[in-house]
Amino acid sequence: MAPLRDEIGTTAGKVYQHLAAKGEASLSQLQKGIGGASASLVAMAVGWLAREDKIEERQAGKTARLRLTGR
C-alpha cells in the first residue's frame, strides 16, 4: 500500500485533470469522476490543491462547486 501522502498526491492529480476536462464539479461528482476514490481521500486531495491555490470554490445553493483557478 502506498503511503497516504502519495495517495493524496495521485488523487490530487486526478482531481486536477477531471476539473481541466469538465470545468467544474461538486465533491461527489469528483469522487465518481475519478474512479470512486473515498470521499475523505478526495477531500484531502482538494485541500492539497486549495493549499497550492490551484482551485476555487463557488456556492450553488447548498452545494460547493469547484473549478481550477482562473477558469
C-alpha atoms as a PDB file:
ATOM      1  CA  MET A   1       0.000   0.000   0.000  1.00  0.00           C
ATOM      2  CA  ALA A   2       1.305   3.435  -0.942  1.00  0.00           C
ATOM      3  CA  PRO A   3       1.934   5.986   1.803  1.00  0.00           C
ATOM      4  CA  LEU A   4      -1.034   8.296   2.385  1.00  0.00           C
ATOM      5  CA  ARG A   5       0.861  11.330   1.109  1.00  0.00           C
ATOM      6  CA  ASP A   6       1.442   9.565  -2.218  1.00  0.00           C
ATOM      7  CA  GLU A   7      -2.230   8.563  -2.467  1.00  0.00           C
ATOM      8  CA  ILE A   8      -3.315  12.144  -1.794  1.00  0.00           C
ATOM      9  CA  GLY A   9      -0.898  13.488  -4.407  1.00  0.00           C
ATOM     10  CA  THR A  10      -2.043  10.966  -7.016  1.00  0.00           C
ATOM     11  CA  THR A  11      -5.686  11.750  -6.282  1.00  0.00           C
ATOM     12  CA  ALA A  12      -4.981  15.488  -6.469  1.00  0.00           C
ATOM     13  CA  GLY A  13      -3.612  14.925  -9.965  1.00  0.00           C
ATOM     14  CA  LYS A  14      -6.772  13.056 -10.947  1.00  0.00           C
ATOM     15  CA  VAL A  15      -8.962  15.810  -9.484  1.00  0.00           C
ATOM     16  CA  TYR A  16      -6.970  18.440 -11.392  1.00  0.00           C
ATOM     17  CA  GLN A  17      -7.312  16.529 -14.669  1.00  0.00           C
ATOM     18  CA  HIS A  18     -11.041  15.990 -14.114  1.00  0.00           C
ATOM     19  CA  LEU A  19     -11.605  19.700 -13.496  1.00  0.00           C
ATOM     20  CA  ALA A  20      -9.458  20.597 -16.518  1.00  0.00           C
ATOM     21  CA  ALA A  21     -11.661  18.373 -18.694  1.00  0.00           C
ATOM     22  CA  LYS A  22     -15.084  19.108 -17.164  1.00  0.00           C
ATOM     23  CA  GLY A  23     -14.654  22.691 -15.952  1.00  0.00           C
ATOM     24  CA  GLU A  24     -16.496  22.439 -12.658  1.00  0.00           C
ATOM     25  CA  ALA A  25     -17.727  19.728 -10.290  1.00  0.00           C
ATOM     26  CA  SER A  26     -19.065  19.065  -6.817  1.00  0.00           C
ATOM     27  CA  LEU A  27     -17.165  16.831  -4.394  1.00  0.00           C
ATOM     28  CA  SER A  28     -19.494  13.901  -5.114  1.00  0.00           C
ATOM     29  CA  GLN A  29     -19.091  14.383  -8.867  1.00  0.00           C
ATOM     30  CA  LEU A  30     -15.317  14.427  -8.413  1.00  0.00           C
ATOM     31  CA  GLN A  31     -15.447  11.237  -6.385  1.00  0.00           C
ATOM     32  CA  LYS A  32     -17.412   9.451  -9.109  1.00  0.00           C
ATOM     33  CA  GLY A  33     -15.479  11.064 -11.965  1.00  0.00           C
ATOM     34  CA  ILE A  34     -12.052   9.955 -10.802  1.00  0.00           C
ATOM     35  CA  GLY A  35     -12.938   6.333 -10.269  1.00  0.00           C
ATOM     36  CA  GLY A  36     -14.601   6.080  -6.911  1.00  0.00           C
ATOM     37  CA  ALA A  37     -11.855   7.211  -4.525  1.00  0.00           C
ATOM     38  CA  SER A  38     -13.102   7.537  -0.961  1.00  0.00           C
ATOM     39  CA  ALA A  39     -14.800  10.794  -0.002  1.00  0.00           C
ATOM     40  CA  SER A  40     -12.093  11.512   2.575  1.00  0.00           C
ATOM     41  CA  LEU A  41      -9.293  10.959   0.037  1.00  0.00           C
ATOM     42  CA  VAL A  42     -10.982  13.299  -2.460  1.00  0.00           C
ATOM     43  CA  ALA A  43     -11.427  15.905   0.280  1.00  0.00           C
ATOM     44  CA  MET A  44      -7.740  15.670   1.195  1.00  0.00           C
ATOM     45  CA  ALA A  45      -6.779  16.000  -2.488  1.00  0.00           C
ATOM     46  CA  VAL A  46      -8.998  19.080  -2.823  1.00  0.00           C
ATOM     47  CA  GLY A  47      -7.302  20.526   0.264  1.00  0.00           C
ATOM     48  CA  TRP A  48      -3.903  19.877  -1.330  1.00  0.00           C
ATOM     49  CA  LEU A  49      -4.948  21.732  -4.492  1.00  0.00           C
ATOM     50  CA  ALA A  50      -6.543  24.558  -2.490  1.00  0.00           C
ATOM     51  CA  ARG A  51      -3.341  24.989  -0.489  1.00  0.00           C
ATOM     52  CA  GLU A  52      -1.462  25.335  -3.782  1.00  0.00           C
ATOM     53  CA  ASP A  53      -4.077  27.898  -4.939  1.00  0.00           C
ATOM     54  CA  LYS A  54      -4.992  25.748  -7.944  1.00  0.00           C
ATOM     55  CA  ILE A  55      -8.740  25.527  -7.319  1.00  0.00           C
ATOM     56  CA  GLU A  56     -11.513  27.847  -6.246  1.00  0.00           C
ATOM     57  CA  GLU A  57     -14.984  27.284  -4.871  1.00  0.00           C
ATOM     58  CA  ARG A  58     -18.366  28.822  -5.502  1.00  0.00           C
ATOM     59  CA  GLN A  59     -21.609  28.031  -3.755  1.00  0.00           C
ATOM     60  CA  ALA A  60     -24.534  26.787  -5.848  1.00  0.00           C
ATOM     61  CA  GLY A  61     -27.320  26.619  -3.291  1.00  0.00           C
ATOM     62  CA  LYS A  62     -26.179  24.123  -0.675  1.00  0.00           C
ATOM     63  CA  THR A  63     -23.543  22.597  -2.953  1.00  0.00           C
ATOM     64  CA  ALA A  64     -19.937  23.710  -3.217  1.00  0.00           C
ATOM     65  CA  ARG A  65     -18.755  23.705  -6.831  1.00  0.00           C
ATOM     66  CA  LEU A  66     -15.022  23.505  -7.537  1.00  0.00           C
ATOM     67  CA  ARG A  67     -13.085  24.651 -10.572  1.00  0.00           C
ATOM     68  CA  LEU A  68      -9.500  25.408 -11.470  1.00  0.00           C
ATOM     69  CA  THR A  69      -8.311  28.879 -10.516  1.00  0.00           C
ATOM     70  CA  GLY A  70      -8.757  31.443 -13.276  1.00  0.00           C
ATOM     71  CA  ARG A  71     -11.233  29.444 -15.362  1.00  0.00           C
END
